[in-house]
């Protein structure tokens, strides 16, 4: 258990999140490394394909990496990652590549579709056949929703959906939950006296934003930690949900409400997740320009803010030096979550899960 004094101290000092909270997760999660073997050679396309118990063990392994980064530096030695990003990316691409390098592996990186055979009409299936010969794992970001699915039919090495069109971004959702559990480890102890479900406000459009779509799918795996999800978007949005999105949450037992008034909701929210950008084709669209978070927003004193970044005017820099800022922790933690996932996918988990 983590003492209340320690947790409160760390909340008030966002700059110390890197050491205390990962170790807290190691204390509250009982290790069961066998579960991680289910990820070996598996494609990570959708959050729907993941299992709660496996995710918890993945977060434990990520906490190991974050607690002692220098100790686990060679599990992927001799392995090659194909990093294919055909859509602009900073955090996702660099965090995947940082994760692979930190584990001792080598990388082949593609950042321009026009420099590949695709520009000459080569099919994604044929590209996948070539990838089988050149690497041990693929991370793909494309502007088309179904690019990852098209490649899986030909791939014999695992692939990760790194955010395709408006479809899904599963590893972002993993990083989101990892951040929540670092912030409040008691969320993983439903029978403890410190356990208290959270009210989370999600500012965004589930039918258009892959980060929001994936976060909601991830929460459906952890309904016990959620008291209520409040979805906040412009009243001009006529189709905020795709078919089945809202039903999936309700079937999981999550209470969902909708609001168009951000400030009316903020005083009751423990977590605020905000995003404003959705990639559509070769460009992006911005939603919710009227929704802005700043130091003047009526946030609960102990509420935290998450944002997948990159941010625009919706998230003021005046919040960066406050205890509400957990979006930088979110970005940092993504490296360790991806380290854990990549280790498991290329069958190297045994090299680290038994190391204390």
Protein backbone atom coordinates (compact mmCIF):
# COMPACT_ATOMS: atom_id res chain seq x y z
CA UNK A 1 0.00 0.00 0.00
CA UNK A 2 1.09 3.57 -0.65
CA UNK A 3 0.72 5.97 2.24
CA UNK A 4 -1.72 8.83 1.83
CA UNK A 5 1.02 11.26 2.72
CA UNK A 6 3.25 10.00 -0.11
CA UNK A 7 0.47 10.03 -2.70
CA UNK A 8 -0.64 13.54 -1.78
CA UNK A 9 2.97 14.76 -1.91
CA UNK A 10 3.42 13.33 -5.38
CA UNK A 11 0.16 14.81 -6.64
CA UNK A 12 1.33 18.21 -5.54
CA UNK A 13 4.68 17.71 -7.27
CA UNK A 14 4.14 16.52 -10.84
CA UNK A 15 7.92 16.50 -11.37
CA UNK A 16 8.42 13.47 -9.10
CA UNK A 17 5.95 11.14 -10.77
CA UNK A 18 8.75 9.24 -12.47
CA UNK A 19 9.94 7.38 -9.38
CA UNK A 20 7.23 6.96 -6.74
CA UNK A 21 4.20 5.84 -8.69
CA UNK A 22 5.72 3.06 -10.80
CA UNK A 23 7.03 1.48 -7.60
CA UNK A 24 3.58 1.81 -6.06
CA UNK A 25 2.15 -0.27 -8.91
CA UNK A 26 4.73 -2.98 -8.26
CA UNK A 27 3.40 -3.17 -4.71
CA UNK A 28 -0.30 -3.41 -5.57
CA UNK A 29 -0.09 -5.81 -8.54
CA UNK A 30 0.78 -9.40 -7.83
CA UNK A 31 3.05 -10.68 -10.57
CA UNK A 32 1.80 -13.38 -12.93
CA UNK A 33 4.22 -13.34 -15.83
CA UNK A 34 2.64 -16.35 -17.51
CA UNK A 35 -0.24 -14.14 -18.65
CA UNK A 36 2.14 -12.04 -20.73
CA UNK A 37 2.97 -14.97 -22.98
CA UNK A 38 -0.47 -14.59 -24.55
CA UNK A 39 0.90 -11.49 -26.32
CA UNK A 40 3.66 -13.37 -28.13
CA UNK A 41 3.47 -12.95 -31.92
CA UNK A 42 0.04 -11.34 -31.57
CA UNK A 43 -1.13 -8.38 -33.66
CA UNK A 44 -2.32 -5.37 -31.62
CA UNK A 45 -5.06 -3.91 -33.79
CA UNK A 46 -7.93 -3.09 -31.42
CA UNK A 47 -8.43 -2.59 -27.70
CA UNK A 48 -11.31 -5.06 -28.01
CA UNK A 49 -8.82 -7.91 -28.47
CA UNK A 50 -7.06 -7.26 -25.17
CA UNK A 51 -7.83 -8.86 -21.80
CA UNK A 52 -8.01 -7.09 -18.46
CA UNK A 53 -5.70 -9.43 -16.52
CA UNK A 54 -3.10 -9.33 -19.29
CA UNK A 55 -3.24 -5.54 -19.35
CA UNK A 56 -2.66 -5.35 -15.61
CA UNK A 57 0.43 -7.54 -15.94
CA UNK A 58 1.59 -5.38 -18.84
CA UNK A 59 1.27 -2.30 -16.62
CA UNK A 60 3.31 -4.08 -13.96
CA UNK A 61 6.08 -4.77 -16.45
CA UNK A 62 5.94 -1.16 -17.62
CA UNK A 63 6.32 -0.07 -13.99
CA UNK A 64 9.40 -2.30 -13.72
CA UNK A 65 10.95 -0.58 -16.70
CA UNK A 66 10.05 2.88 -15.44
CA UNK A 67 11.25 2.21 -11.89
CA UNK A 68 14.69 1.10 -13.03
CA UNK A 69 15.24 1.96 -16.72
CA UNK A 70 18.94 1.07 -16.78
CA UNK A 71 18.43 -2.47 -15.50
CA UNK A 72 16.61 -3.88 -18.52
CA UNK A 73 18.55 -2.71 -21.55
CA UNK A 74 19.12 -5.72 -23.81
CA UNK A 75 15.96 -7.90 -24.11
CA UNK A 76 15.57 -6.98 -27.79
CA UNK A 77 19.22 -7.19 -28.78
CA UNK A 78 19.41 -8.65 -32.28
CA UNK A 79 15.76 -7.77 -33.04
CA UNK A 80 14.68 -5.26 -35.70
CA UNK A 81 11.64 -2.97 -35.58
CA UNK A 82 10.07 -1.67 -38.79
CA UNK A 83 8.73 1.76 -37.85
CA UNK A 84 6.36 2.84 -40.65
CA UNK A 85 4.70 6.20 -40.05
CA UNK A 86 2.85 7.55 -43.07
CA UNK A 87 1.04 10.20 -41.05
CA UNK A 88 2.71 12.99 -39.03
CA UNK A 89 3.68 11.91 -35.52
CA UNK A 90 5.96 13.10 -32.76
CA UNK A 91 5.19 11.32 -29.50
CA UNK A 92 3.94 8.00 -30.84
CA UNK A 93 6.74 7.46 -33.32
CA UNK A 94 9.52 8.66 -31.03
CA UNK A 95 8.21 6.78 -28.00
CA UNK A 96 8.05 3.51 -29.95
CA UNK A 97 11.55 4.05 -31.30
CA UNK A 98 12.84 5.14 -27.91
CA UNK A 99 11.30 2.04 -26.34
CA UNK A 100 12.94 -0.27 -28.88
CA UNK A 101 16.35 1.43 -28.57
CA UNK A 102 16.17 1.29 -24.76
CA UNK A 103 15.72 -2.47 -25.07
CA UNK A 104 18.80 -2.89 -27.24
CA UNK A 105 17.11 -3.40 -30.62
CA UNK A 106 17.71 -1.88 -34.05
CA UNK A 107 15.22 0.12 -36.12
CA UNK A 108 14.38 0.64 -39.78
CA UNK A 109 12.23 3.75 -40.06
CA UNK A 110 9.94 4.84 -42.91
CA UNK A 111 8.34 8.28 -42.69
CA UNK A 112 7.30 8.99 -46.25
CA UNK A 113 4.88 6.79 -48.19
CA UNK A 114 6.15 8.29 -51.45
CA UNK A 115 9.57 6.73 -50.81
CA UNK A 116 8.12 3.21 -50.77
CA UNK A 117 6.71 0.83 -53.35
CA UNK A 118 3.22 1.94 -52.33
CA UNK A 119 3.80 5.09 -54.38
CA UNK A 120 4.21 2.83 -57.44
CA UNK A 121 0.99 0.97 -56.74
CA UNK A 122 2.31 -1.86 -54.57
CA UNK A 123 -0.40 -3.39 -52.40
CA UNK A 124 -0.20 -3.38 -48.62
CA UNK A 125 -0.33 -7.18 -48.70
CA UNK A 126 2.85 -7.28 -50.80
CA UNK A 127 4.50 -4.73 -48.54
CA UNK A 128 3.65 -7.01 -45.61
CA UNK A 129 5.28 -9.96 -47.37
CA UNK A 130 8.49 -7.95 -47.67
CA UNK A 131 8.31 -6.85 -44.04
CA UNK A 132 8.30 -10.52 -43.03
CA UNK A 133 11.82 -10.81 -44.43
CA UNK A 134 13.27 -7.64 -42.97
CA UNK A 135 12.13 -7.25 -39.38
CA UNK A 136 10.73 -8.84 -36.23
CA UNK A 137 7.86 -6.42 -35.53
CA UNK A 138 6.02 -3.64 -37.36
CA UNK A 139 4.55 -0.44 -35.97
CA UNK A 140 2.26 1.21 -38.50
CA UNK A 141 0.51 4.56 -38.62
CA UNK A 142 -1.44 5.29 -41.77
CA UNK A 143 -4.13 7.73 -42.84
CA UNK A 144 -6.45 4.90 -43.89
CA UNK A 145 -8.61 3.23 -41.25
CA UNK A 146 -8.11 -0.31 -42.52
CA UNK A 147 -4.39 -0.34 -43.37
CA UNK A 148 -3.38 -2.51 -40.41
CA UNK A 149 -6.15 -5.01 -41.08
CA UNK A 150 -5.12 -5.24 -44.73
CA UNK A 151 -1.54 -6.07 -43.78
CA UNK A 152 -2.33 -8.70 -41.16
CA UNK A 153 -3.48 -11.19 -43.78
CA UNK A 154 0.10 -11.39 -45.13
CA UNK A 155 2.18 -10.71 -42.03
CA UNK A 156 3.99 -13.49 -40.18
CA UNK A 157 5.53 -11.02 -37.73
CA UNK A 158 3.44 -9.02 -35.24
CA UNK A 159 2.12 -5.56 -36.06
CA UNK A 160 0.91 -2.74 -33.83
CA UNK A 161 -1.76 -0.28 -34.85
CA UNK A 162 -0.10 3.04 -33.97
CA UNK A 163 -3.18 5.08 -34.88
CA UNK A 164 -4.83 4.71 -38.27
CA UNK A 165 -7.21 7.34 -39.58
CA UNK A 166 -10.12 7.73 -37.19
CA UNK A 167 -10.10 4.03 -36.28
CA UNK A 168 -8.18 3.16 -33.09
CA UNK A 169 -4.97 3.88 -31.20
CA UNK A 170 -4.70 0.99 -28.71
CA UNK A 171 -1.28 1.75 -27.22
CA UNK A 172 -2.39 5.32 -26.47
CA UNK A 173 -5.27 3.90 -24.44
CA UNK A 174 -2.81 1.60 -22.64
CA UNK A 175 -0.74 4.66 -21.73
CA UNK A 176 -3.87 6.49 -20.56
CA UNK A 177 -4.79 3.70 -18.13
CA UNK A 178 -1.20 3.26 -16.97
CA UNK A 179 -1.19 6.95 -16.05
CA UNK A 180 -4.45 6.60 -14.12
CA UNK A 181 -3.09 3.68 -12.12
CA UNK A 182 0.14 5.55 -11.31
CA UNK A 183 -1.90 8.51 -10.14
CA UNK A 184 -4.19 6.39 -8.00
CA UNK A 185 -2.81 2.85 -7.42
CA UNK A 186 -5.80 2.02 -5.21
CA UNK A 187 -7.90 1.75 -8.39
CA UNK A 188 -6.32 -1.68 -8.74
CA UNK A 189 -7.37 -2.66 -5.21
CA UNK A 190 -11.18 -2.80 -5.32
CA UNK A 191 -11.38 -4.36 -1.85
CA UNK A 192 -9.18 -1.82 -0.10
CA UNK A 193 -10.53 1.00 2.07
CA UNK A 194 -8.80 3.51 -0.24
CA UNK A 195 -10.65 2.32 -3.34
CA UNK A 196 -12.94 4.91 -4.88
CA UNK A 197 -14.25 4.83 -8.47
CA UNK A 198 -13.59 7.91 -10.55
CA UNK A 199 -15.79 10.32 -12.45
CA UNK A 200 -14.04 10.96 -15.76
CA UNK A 201 -14.96 13.64 -18.24
CA UNK A 202 -13.98 12.98 -21.85
CA UNK A 203 -13.96 16.05 -24.06
CA UNK A 204 -14.07 14.87 -27.64
CA UNK A 205 -16.11 13.10 -30.29
CA UNK A 206 -16.02 9.29 -29.97
CA UNK A 207 -17.07 8.70 -33.58
CA UNK A 208 -14.27 10.86 -34.98
CA UNK A 209 -11.31 10.66 -32.60
CA UNK A 210 -9.26 7.48 -32.39
CA UNK A 211 -7.81 8.39 -28.99
CA UNK A 212 -11.26 8.91 -27.49
CA UNK A 213 -12.61 5.78 -29.18
CA UNK A 214 -9.77 3.65 -27.79
CA UNK A 215 -9.94 5.15 -24.29
CA UNK A 216 -13.64 4.33 -24.01
CA UNK A 217 -12.99 0.77 -25.21
CA UNK A 218 -10.24 0.46 -22.61
CA UNK A 219 -12.52 1.69 -19.83
CA UNK A 220 -14.97 -1.05 -20.81
CA UNK A 221 -12.29 -3.52 -19.66
CA UNK A 222 -12.14 -1.77 -16.25
CA UNK A 223 -15.74 -0.82 -15.43
CA UNK A 224 -15.19 -1.17 -11.68
CA UNK A 225 -12.89 1.85 -11.57
CA UNK A 226 -15.47 4.14 -13.20
CA UNK A 227 -18.35 5.75 -11.34
CA UNK A 228 -19.41 7.75 -14.37
CA UNK A 229 -18.17 8.80 -17.81
CA UNK A 230 -19.31 12.26 -18.89
CA UNK A 231 -18.87 12.82 -22.63
CA UNK A 232 -18.58 16.51 -23.48
CA UNK A 233 -18.86 17.82 -27.04
CA UNK A 234 -20.44 20.63 -29.06
CA UNK A 235 -24.20 20.48 -29.40
CA UNK A 236 -23.63 20.92 -33.16
CA UNK A 237 -22.35 17.33 -33.34
CA UNK A 238 -25.29 15.25 -34.54
CA UNK A 239 -23.60 11.82 -34.58
CA UNK A 240 -21.14 11.65 -31.66
CA UNK A 241 -21.23 7.84 -31.56
CA UNK A 242 -20.66 5.13 -34.12
CA UNK A 243 -23.05 2.18 -33.97
CA UNK A 244 -22.28 0.08 -30.92
CA UNK A 245 -19.97 2.55 -29.13
CA UNK A 246 -22.40 3.66 -26.46
CA UNK A 247 -23.90 0.18 -26.15
CA UNK A 248 -20.47 -1.32 -25.47
CA UNK A 249 -19.93 0.96 -22.49
CA UNK A 250 -23.38 0.41 -21.05
CA UNK A 251 -23.14 -3.36 -21.49
CA UNK A 252 -19.89 -3.25 -19.52
CA UNK A 253 -21.78 -1.59 -16.67
CA UNK A 254 -20.47 1.96 -17.15
CA UNK A 255 -22.82 4.88 -16.55
CA UNK A 256 -22.55 7.34 -19.45
CA UNK A 257 -23.97 10.84 -19.62
CA UNK A 258 -23.63 13.54 -22.26
CA UNK A 259 -23.07 17.25 -21.72
CA UNK A 260 -22.40 20.34 -23.80
CA UNK A 261 -21.36 22.52 -20.83
CA UNK A 262 -17.76 21.92 -19.77
CA UNK A 263 -17.58 24.31 -16.82
CA UNK A 264 -20.79 22.93 -15.33
CA UNK A 265 -19.20 19.46 -15.20
CA UNK A 266 -15.63 20.26 -14.12
CA UNK A 267 -16.27 20.72 -10.35
CA UNK A 268 -17.45 17.08 -10.14
CA UNK A 269 -14.78 15.41 -12.27
CA UNK A 270 -11.77 13.52 -10.90
CA UNK A 271 -10.17 13.09 -14.33
CA UNK A 272 -10.51 15.29 -17.38
CA UNK A 273 -9.44 13.82 -20.72
CA UNK A 274 -9.35 16.39 -23.50
CA UNK A 275 -8.53 16.22 -27.18
CA UNK A 276 -9.51 18.41 -30.12
CA UNK A 277 -7.87 16.90 -33.20
CA UNK A 278 -9.08 14.10 -35.45
CA UNK A 279 -7.13 12.95 -38.50
CA UNK A 280 -9.27 12.58 -41.60
CA UNK A 281 -7.57 11.47 -44.81
CA UNK A 282 -4.39 13.49 -45.38
CA UNK A 283 -5.30 16.29 -42.97
CA UNK A 284 -7.04 16.88 -39.67
CA UNK A 285 -10.19 18.44 -38.30
CA UNK A 286 -10.58 20.35 -35.05
CA UNK A 287 -13.54 19.84 -32.74
CA UNK A 288 -14.74 21.61 -29.61
CA UNK A 289 -13.08 25.00 -30.07
CA UNK A 290 -15.33 26.40 -27.36
CA UNK A 291 -13.92 24.00 -24.77
CA UNK A 292 -10.75 25.35 -23.16
CA UNK A 293 -8.99 24.31 -19.97
CA UNK A 294 -6.84 26.85 -18.14
CA UNK A 295 -5.78 27.69 -14.60
CA UNK A 296 -9.05 29.62 -14.29
CA UNK A 297 -11.21 26.58 -15.06
CA UNK A 298 -13.34 25.36 -12.10
CA UNK A 299 -11.41 22.12 -11.64
CA UNK A 300 -11.54 20.08 -8.45
CA UNK A 301 -8.38 20.81 -6.47
CA UNK A 302 -7.16 17.21 -6.82
CA UNK A 303 -8.42 16.59 -10.37
CA UNK A 304 -5.94 15.56 -13.03
CA UNK A 305 -5.88 16.38 -16.73
CA UNK A 306 -4.92 13.94 -19.47
CA UNK A 307 -4.29 14.83 -23.10
CA UNK A 308 -2.81 12.58 -25.82
CA UNK A 309 -1.01 15.59 -27.33
CA UNK A 310 -0.26 17.45 -29.57
CA UNK A 311 -2.33 20.17 -28.00
CA UNK A 312 -3.78 23.37 -29.32
CA UNK A 313 -5.68 26.20 -27.68
CA UNK A 314 -7.92 23.73 -25.83
CA UNK A 315 -5.23 23.15 -23.17
CA UNK A 316 -3.56 26.28 -21.84
CA UNK A 317 0.09 26.20 -20.83
CA UNK A 318 -0.93 27.93 -17.59
CA UNK A 319 -1.78 24.44 -16.30
CA UNK A 320 1.67 23.00 -16.98
CA UNK A 321 3.12 23.91 -13.58
CA UNK A 322 0.07 22.82 -11.60
CA UNK A 323 -0.78 19.53 -9.90
CA UNK A 324 -3.51 19.05 -12.53
CA UNK A 325 -0.86 18.33 -15.15
CA UNK A 326 -0.59 14.60 -15.72
CA UNK A 327 -0.42 14.83 -19.51
CA UNK A 328 3.38 15.03 -19.44
CA UNK A 329 3.46 11.95 -17.21
CA UNK A 330 1.11 10.35 -19.72
CA UNK A 331 3.58 11.00 -22.55
CA UNK A 332 6.56 9.79 -20.53
CA UNK A 333 4.81 6.62 -19.38
CA UNK A 334 3.95 5.69 -22.97
CA UNK A 335 7.60 4.78 -23.55
CA UNK A 336 7.60 2.21 -20.76
CA UNK A 337 4.21 0.78 -21.71
CA UNK A 338 5.49 0.28 -25.24
CA UNK A 339 8.70 -1.24 -23.92
CA UNK A 340 6.64 -3.79 -22.03
CA UNK A 341 4.37 -4.55 -24.97
CA UNK A 342 7.19 -4.90 -27.51
CA UNK A 343 9.15 -7.18 -25.19
CA UNK A 344 6.19 -9.53 -24.93
CA UNK A 345 5.27 -9.46 -28.60
CA UNK A 346 8.71 -10.60 -29.77
CA UNK A 347 8.87 -13.41 -27.19
CA UNK A 348 11.44 -11.86 -24.86
CA UNK A 349 9.28 -11.55 -21.73
CA UNK A 350 11.11 -14.37 -19.96
CA UNK A 351 14.25 -12.22 -19.87
CA UNK A 352 12.63 -9.63 -17.61
CA UNK A 353 9.54 -10.95 -15.81
CA UNK A 354 11.55 -12.97 -13.32
CA UNK A 355 13.94 -10.12 -12.50
CA UNK A 356 13.05 -8.39 -9.24
